[in-house]
Amino acid sequence: METIVQNIQGVPLNHYILFCSIIFAIGVMGVLTRRNVIIIMMSVELMLNSVNLLLTAFSVHHGDPAGQVFVFFIMALAAAEVAVGLAIIVMVYRNTRSVDINALNRLRG
């Protein structure tokens, strides 16, 4: 029974784990290495989407829809993060004429 659930769509669970880990690592590298706020926010969204995909894969693997329900909460959180983040980016751009994180040091004083 477990092998039938594991290969519902013909893709083993290990492949989902590897794929989501790679996507998450790309997102982490984007957050740590980039200085552009828009790219950083896109990297955070990439990390959230990799977690969503992994939660959905585990949910299907275990036959429990709780993981898929939790994905909807994460999607709502991501939408709120985008709305607030874009508002902050617009205000920073209005004050500094740049979306570079290093330009935010000028707003301290």
N, C-alpha and C. Protein backbone atom coordinates (compact mmCIF):
# COMPACT_ATOMS: atom_id res chain seq x y z
N MET A 1 0.82 -1.19 0.00
CA MET A 1 0.00 0.00 0.00
C MET A 1 0.86 1.26 0.00
N GLU A 2 1.98 1.22 0.75
CA GLU A 2 2.82 2.40 0.84
C GLU A 2 3.45 2.75 -0.50
N THR A 3 3.87 1.76 -1.27
CA THR A 3 4.47 2.06 -2.56
C THR A 3 3.45 2.64 -3.53
N ILE A 4 2.18 2.26 -3.38
CA ILE A 4 1.14 2.85 -4.24
C ILE A 4 0.95 4.32 -3.90
N VAL A 5 0.92 4.65 -2.60
CA VAL A 5 0.76 6.05 -2.19
C VAL A 5 2.00 6.85 -2.55
N GLN A 6 3.17 6.25 -2.42
CA GLN A 6 4.42 6.95 -2.69
C GLN A 6 4.54 7.32 -4.18
N ASN A 7 4.05 6.51 -5.05
CA ASN A 7 4.18 6.74 -6.48
C ASN A 7 2.84 7.10 -7.12
N ILE A 8 2.07 7.97 -6.49
CA ILE A 8 0.76 8.32 -7.02
C ILE A 8 0.87 8.91 -8.42
N GLN A 9 1.77 9.84 -8.59
CA GLN A 9 1.94 10.47 -9.90
C GLN A 9 3.18 9.94 -10.62
N GLY A 10 3.76 8.88 -10.14
CA GLY A 10 4.93 8.31 -10.79
C GLY A 10 6.24 8.92 -10.36
N VAL A 11 6.19 9.86 -9.41
CA VAL A 11 7.40 10.51 -8.92
C VAL A 11 7.59 10.14 -7.45
N PRO A 12 8.70 9.52 -7.10
CA PRO A 12 8.93 9.15 -5.69
C PRO A 12 9.07 10.38 -4.79
N LEU A 13 8.80 10.19 -3.53
CA LEU A 13 8.86 11.28 -2.56
C LEU A 13 10.28 11.85 -2.44
N ASN A 14 11.29 11.01 -2.62
CA ASN A 14 12.68 11.48 -2.53
C ASN A 14 12.98 12.53 -3.58
N HIS A 15 12.38 12.42 -4.75
CA HIS A 15 12.61 13.42 -5.80
C HIS A 15 12.01 14.76 -5.42
N TYR A 16 10.85 14.74 -4.78
CA TYR A 16 10.25 15.99 -4.30
C TYR A 16 11.13 16.64 -3.24
N ILE A 17 11.66 15.83 -2.34
CA ILE A 17 12.51 16.36 -1.28
C ILE A 17 13.76 16.99 -1.87
N LEU A 18 14.39 16.32 -2.81
CA LEU A 18 15.59 16.85 -3.45
C LEU A 18 15.29 18.13 -4.22
N PHE A 19 14.21 18.12 -5.00
CA PHE A 19 13.85 19.28 -5.80
C PHE A 19 13.53 20.49 -4.91
N CYS A 20 12.76 20.28 -3.85
CA CYS A 20 12.41 21.38 -2.94
C CYS A 20 13.64 21.88 -2.19
N SER A 21 14.56 21.00 -1.86
CA SER A 21 15.78 21.42 -1.18
C SER A 21 16.63 22.31 -2.09
N ILE A 22 16.70 21.95 -3.36
CA ILE A 22 17.47 22.76 -4.32
C ILE A 22 16.82 24.13 -4.49
N ILE A 23 15.50 24.17 -4.63
CA ILE A 23 14.81 25.44 -4.79
C ILE A 23 14.98 26.30 -3.54
N PHE A 24 14.87 25.69 -2.36
CA PHE A 24 15.04 26.44 -1.12
C PHE A 24 16.46 26.99 -1.01
N ALA A 25 17.45 26.19 -1.39
CA ALA A 25 18.85 26.63 -1.33
C ALA A 25 19.09 27.80 -2.28
N ILE A 26 18.48 27.77 -3.45
CA ILE A 26 18.60 28.89 -4.39
C ILE A 26 18.00 30.15 -3.78
N GLY A 27 16.86 30.00 -3.12
CA GLY A 27 16.24 31.15 -2.45
C GLY A 27 17.11 31.70 -1.34
N VAL A 28 17.71 30.83 -0.54
CA VAL A 28 18.59 31.28 0.54
C VAL A 28 19.79 32.02 -0.03
N MET A 29 20.37 31.49 -1.09
CA MET A 29 21.52 32.16 -1.71
C MET A 29 21.13 33.53 -2.26
N GLY A 30 19.92 33.63 -2.81
CA GLY A 30 19.45 34.92 -3.30
C GLY A 30 19.28 35.93 -2.19
N VAL A 31 18.79 35.49 -1.03
CA VAL A 31 18.62 36.41 0.10
C VAL A 31 19.98 36.84 0.65
N LEU A 32 20.92 35.91 0.71
CA LEU A 32 22.21 36.22 1.33
C LEU A 32 23.16 36.99 0.43
N THR A 33 23.05 36.84 -0.89
CA THR A 33 24.04 37.44 -1.77
C THR A 33 23.57 38.69 -2.50
N ARG A 34 22.30 38.89 -2.66
CA ARG A 34 21.81 40.02 -3.45
C ARG A 34 21.61 41.25 -2.57
N ARG A 35 21.73 42.42 -3.16
CA ARG A 35 21.54 43.69 -2.47
C ARG A 35 20.26 44.39 -2.92
N ASN A 36 19.63 43.91 -3.97
CA ASN A 36 18.41 44.52 -4.49
C ASN A 36 17.22 43.98 -3.70
N VAL A 37 16.40 44.88 -3.16
CA VAL A 37 15.29 44.47 -2.30
C VAL A 37 14.28 43.63 -3.08
N ILE A 38 14.05 43.94 -4.32
CA ILE A 38 13.08 43.19 -5.12
C ILE A 38 13.56 41.75 -5.32
N ILE A 39 14.84 41.58 -5.60
CA ILE A 39 15.40 40.23 -5.77
C ILE A 39 15.32 39.46 -4.45
N ILE A 40 15.57 40.13 -3.34
CA ILE A 40 15.49 39.47 -2.03
C ILE A 40 14.07 39.00 -1.76
N MET A 41 13.09 39.84 -2.07
CA MET A 41 11.70 39.44 -1.86
C MET A 41 11.31 38.28 -2.77
N MET A 42 11.81 38.27 -3.99
CA MET A 42 11.54 37.15 -4.89
C MET A 42 12.18 35.87 -4.36
N SER A 43 13.34 35.99 -3.74
CA SER A 43 14.01 34.82 -3.16
C SER A 43 13.23 34.29 -1.97
N VAL A 44 12.66 35.17 -1.16
CA VAL A 44 11.84 34.73 -0.03
C VAL A 44 10.60 34.01 -0.56
N GLU A 45 10.00 34.53 -1.62
CA GLU A 45 8.84 33.87 -2.23
C GLU A 45 9.22 32.50 -2.77
N LEU A 46 10.41 32.39 -3.33
CA LEU A 46 10.88 31.10 -3.84
C LEU A 46 11.02 30.10 -2.70
N MET A 47 11.53 30.55 -1.56
CA MET A 47 11.65 29.65 -0.41
C MET A 47 10.27 29.23 0.09
N LEU A 48 9.33 30.16 0.16
CA LEU A 48 7.98 29.82 0.60
C LEU A 48 7.32 28.83 -0.35
N ASN A 49 7.52 29.01 -1.65
CA ASN A 49 6.92 28.10 -2.62
C ASN A 49 7.54 26.71 -2.55
N SER A 50 8.83 26.62 -2.25
CA SER A 50 9.43 25.29 -2.12
C SER A 50 8.87 24.57 -0.90
N VAL A 51 8.63 25.30 0.18
CA VAL A 51 8.02 24.69 1.36
C VAL A 51 6.59 24.26 1.06
N ASN A 52 5.86 25.09 0.30
CA ASN A 52 4.49 24.73 -0.08
C ASN A 52 4.46 23.42 -0.89
N LEU A 53 5.36 23.31 -1.84
CA LEU A 53 5.41 22.11 -2.66
C LEU A 53 5.75 20.88 -1.82
N LEU A 54 6.67 21.04 -0.89
CA LEU A 54 7.05 19.92 -0.03
C LEU A 54 5.91 19.53 0.91
N LEU A 55 5.22 20.52 1.46
CA LEU A 55 4.07 20.20 2.31
C LEU A 55 2.99 19.45 1.53
N THR A 56 2.76 19.87 0.30
CA THR A 56 1.76 19.20 -0.53
C THR A 56 2.20 17.78 -0.85
N ALA A 57 3.47 17.59 -1.16
CA ALA A 57 3.97 16.24 -1.47
C ALA A 57 3.84 15.33 -0.26
N PHE A 58 4.21 15.81 0.92
CA PHE A 58 4.07 15.00 2.13
C PHE A 58 2.60 14.73 2.44
N SER A 59 1.75 15.71 2.19
CA SER A 59 0.33 15.53 2.44
C SER A 59 -0.25 14.42 1.57
N VAL A 60 0.12 14.40 0.31
CA VAL A 60 -0.35 13.35 -0.59
C VAL A 60 0.26 12.01 -0.20
N HIS A 61 1.54 12.03 0.18
CA HIS A 61 2.22 10.78 0.56
C HIS A 61 1.56 10.12 1.77
N HIS A 62 1.18 10.93 2.74
CA HIS A 62 0.58 10.38 3.96
C HIS A 62 -0.93 10.27 3.88
N GLY A 63 -1.54 10.80 2.82
CA GLY A 63 -2.98 10.72 2.67
C GLY A 63 -3.74 11.61 3.64
N ASP A 64 -3.09 12.65 4.13
CA ASP A 64 -3.69 13.56 5.09
C ASP A 64 -3.79 14.95 4.48
N PRO A 65 -4.98 15.51 4.34
CA PRO A 65 -5.11 16.82 3.70
C PRO A 65 -4.69 17.99 4.57
N ALA A 66 -4.23 17.76 5.79
CA ALA A 66 -3.85 18.86 6.68
C ALA A 66 -2.69 19.67 6.10
N GLY A 67 -1.76 19.02 5.44
CA GLY A 67 -0.65 19.75 4.82
C GLY A 67 -1.11 20.68 3.72
N GLN A 68 -2.10 20.26 2.96
CA GLN A 68 -2.61 21.10 1.89
C GLN A 68 -3.39 22.28 2.45
N VAL A 69 -4.06 22.09 3.57
CA VAL A 69 -4.76 23.20 4.22
C VAL A 69 -3.74 24.20 4.75
N PHE A 70 -2.66 23.70 5.30
CA PHE A 70 -1.60 24.57 5.81
C PHE A 70 -0.97 25.39 4.69
N VAL A 71 -0.92 24.83 3.49
CA VAL A 71 -0.38 25.55 2.34
C VAL A 71 -1.20 26.81 2.06
N PHE A 72 -2.51 26.74 2.23
CA PHE A 72 -3.33 27.93 2.01
C PHE A 72 -3.00 29.04 3.00
N PHE A 73 -2.70 28.68 4.24
CA PHE A 73 -2.29 29.69 5.21
C PHE A 73 -0.95 30.31 4.83
N ILE A 74 -0.04 29.51 4.34
CA ILE A 74 1.26 30.04 3.91
C ILE A 74 1.07 30.96 2.70
N MET A 75 0.17 30.60 1.80
CA MET A 75 -0.09 31.45 0.63
C MET A 75 -0.68 32.79 1.07
N ALA A 76 -1.55 32.79 2.06
CA ALA A 76 -2.11 34.05 2.58
C ALA A 76 -1.02 34.89 3.23
N LEU A 77 -0.13 34.24 3.96
CA LEU A 77 1.00 34.95 4.56
C LEU A 77 1.91 35.54 3.49
N ALA A 78 2.15 34.80 2.43
CA ALA A 78 3.00 35.28 1.34
C ALA A 78 2.37 36.47 0.64
N ALA A 79 1.04 36.44 0.46
CA ALA A 79 0.36 37.57 -0.18
C ALA A 79 0.46 38.81 0.70
N ALA A 80 0.31 38.65 1.99
CA ALA A 80 0.44 39.80 2.90
C ALA A 80 1.88 40.32 2.91
N GLU A 81 2.83 39.40 2.86
CA GLU A 81 4.24 39.81 2.83
C GLU A 81 4.56 40.60 1.57
N VAL A 82 4.00 40.20 0.46
CA VAL A 82 4.24 40.91 -0.79
C VAL A 82 3.62 42.31 -0.73
N ALA A 83 2.41 42.40 -0.21
CA ALA A 83 1.75 43.71 -0.13
C ALA A 83 2.52 44.68 0.76
N VAL A 84 2.92 44.23 1.93
CA VAL A 84 3.66 45.09 2.85
C VAL A 84 5.06 45.38 2.30
N GLY A 85 5.70 44.36 1.75
CA GLY A 85 7.04 44.55 1.20
C GLY A 85 7.08 45.52 0.04
N LEU A 86 6.10 45.42 -0.86
CA LEU A 86 6.07 46.36 -1.98
C LEU A 86 5.80 47.78 -1.51
N ALA A 87 4.97 47.95 -0.49
CA ALA A 87 4.73 49.29 0.06
C ALA A 87 6.02 49.85 0.66
N ILE A 88 6.77 49.02 1.35
CA ILE A 88 8.05 49.47 1.91
C ILE A 88 9.03 49.82 0.80
N ILE A 89 9.08 49.00 -0.25
CA ILE A 89 9.99 49.27 -1.37
C ILE A 89 9.63 50.60 -2.03
N VAL A 90 8.36 50.87 -2.21
CA VAL A 90 7.93 52.14 -2.83
C VAL A 90 8.36 53.32 -1.96
N MET A 91 8.20 53.22 -0.65
CA MET A 91 8.59 54.32 0.24
C MET A 91 10.11 54.51 0.25
N VAL A 92 10.86 53.42 0.24
CA VAL A 92 12.32 53.53 0.20
C VAL A 92 12.76 54.15 -1.12
N TYR A 93 12.13 53.75 -2.22
CA TYR A 93 12.50 54.31 -3.52
C TYR A 93 12.18 55.80 -3.58
N ARG A 94 11.07 56.21 -3.00
CA ARG A 94 10.72 57.63 -2.99
C ARG A 94 11.73 58.46 -2.21
N ASN A 95 12.28 57.89 -1.15
CA ASN A 95 13.23 58.64 -0.31
C ASN A 95 14.66 58.58 -0.82
N THR A 96 15.07 57.47 -1.43
CA THR A 96 16.48 57.30 -1.81
C THR A 96 16.71 57.22 -3.30
N ARG A 97 15.65 57.06 -4.10
CA ARG A 97 15.75 56.87 -5.56
C ARG A 97 16.56 55.63 -5.91
N SER A 98 16.50 54.61 -5.02
CA SER A 98 17.21 53.36 -5.24
C SER A 98 16.50 52.26 -4.47
N VAL A 99 16.61 51.02 -4.96
CA VAL A 99 16.09 49.87 -4.23
C VAL A 99 17.23 49.01 -3.70
N ASP A 100 18.40 49.62 -3.56
CA ASP A 100 19.57 48.92 -3.03
C ASP A 100 19.52 48.96 -1.51
N ILE A 101 19.83 47.85 -0.87
CA ILE A 101 19.77 47.78 0.59
C ILE A 101 20.79 48.72 1.22
N ASN A 102 21.92 48.92 0.61
CA ASN A 102 22.94 49.80 1.16
C ASN A 102 22.46 51.25 1.23
N ALA A 103 21.49 51.60 0.39
CA ALA A 103 20.95 52.97 0.42
C ALA A 103 20.10 53.20 1.66
N LEU A 104 19.69 52.16 2.34
CA LEU A 104 18.87 52.31 3.53
C LEU A 104 19.67 52.91 4.70
N ASN A 105 20.97 52.84 4.67
CA ASN A 105 21.79 53.43 5.73
C ASN A 105 21.61 54.95 5.78
N ARG A 106 21.26 55.57 4.66
CA ARG A 106 21.05 57.02 4.62
C ARG A 106 19.78 57.43 5.36
N LEU A 107 18.86 56.50 5.57
CA LEU A 107 17.62 56.83 6.24
C LEU A 107 17.75 56.84 7.76
N ARG A 108 18.85 56.37 8.30
CA ARG A 108 19.03 56.30 9.75
C ARG A 108 19.10 57.66 10.40
N GLY A 109 19.89 58.54 9.86
CA GLY A 109 20.19 59.81 10.50
C GLY A 109 19.12 60.77 10.41
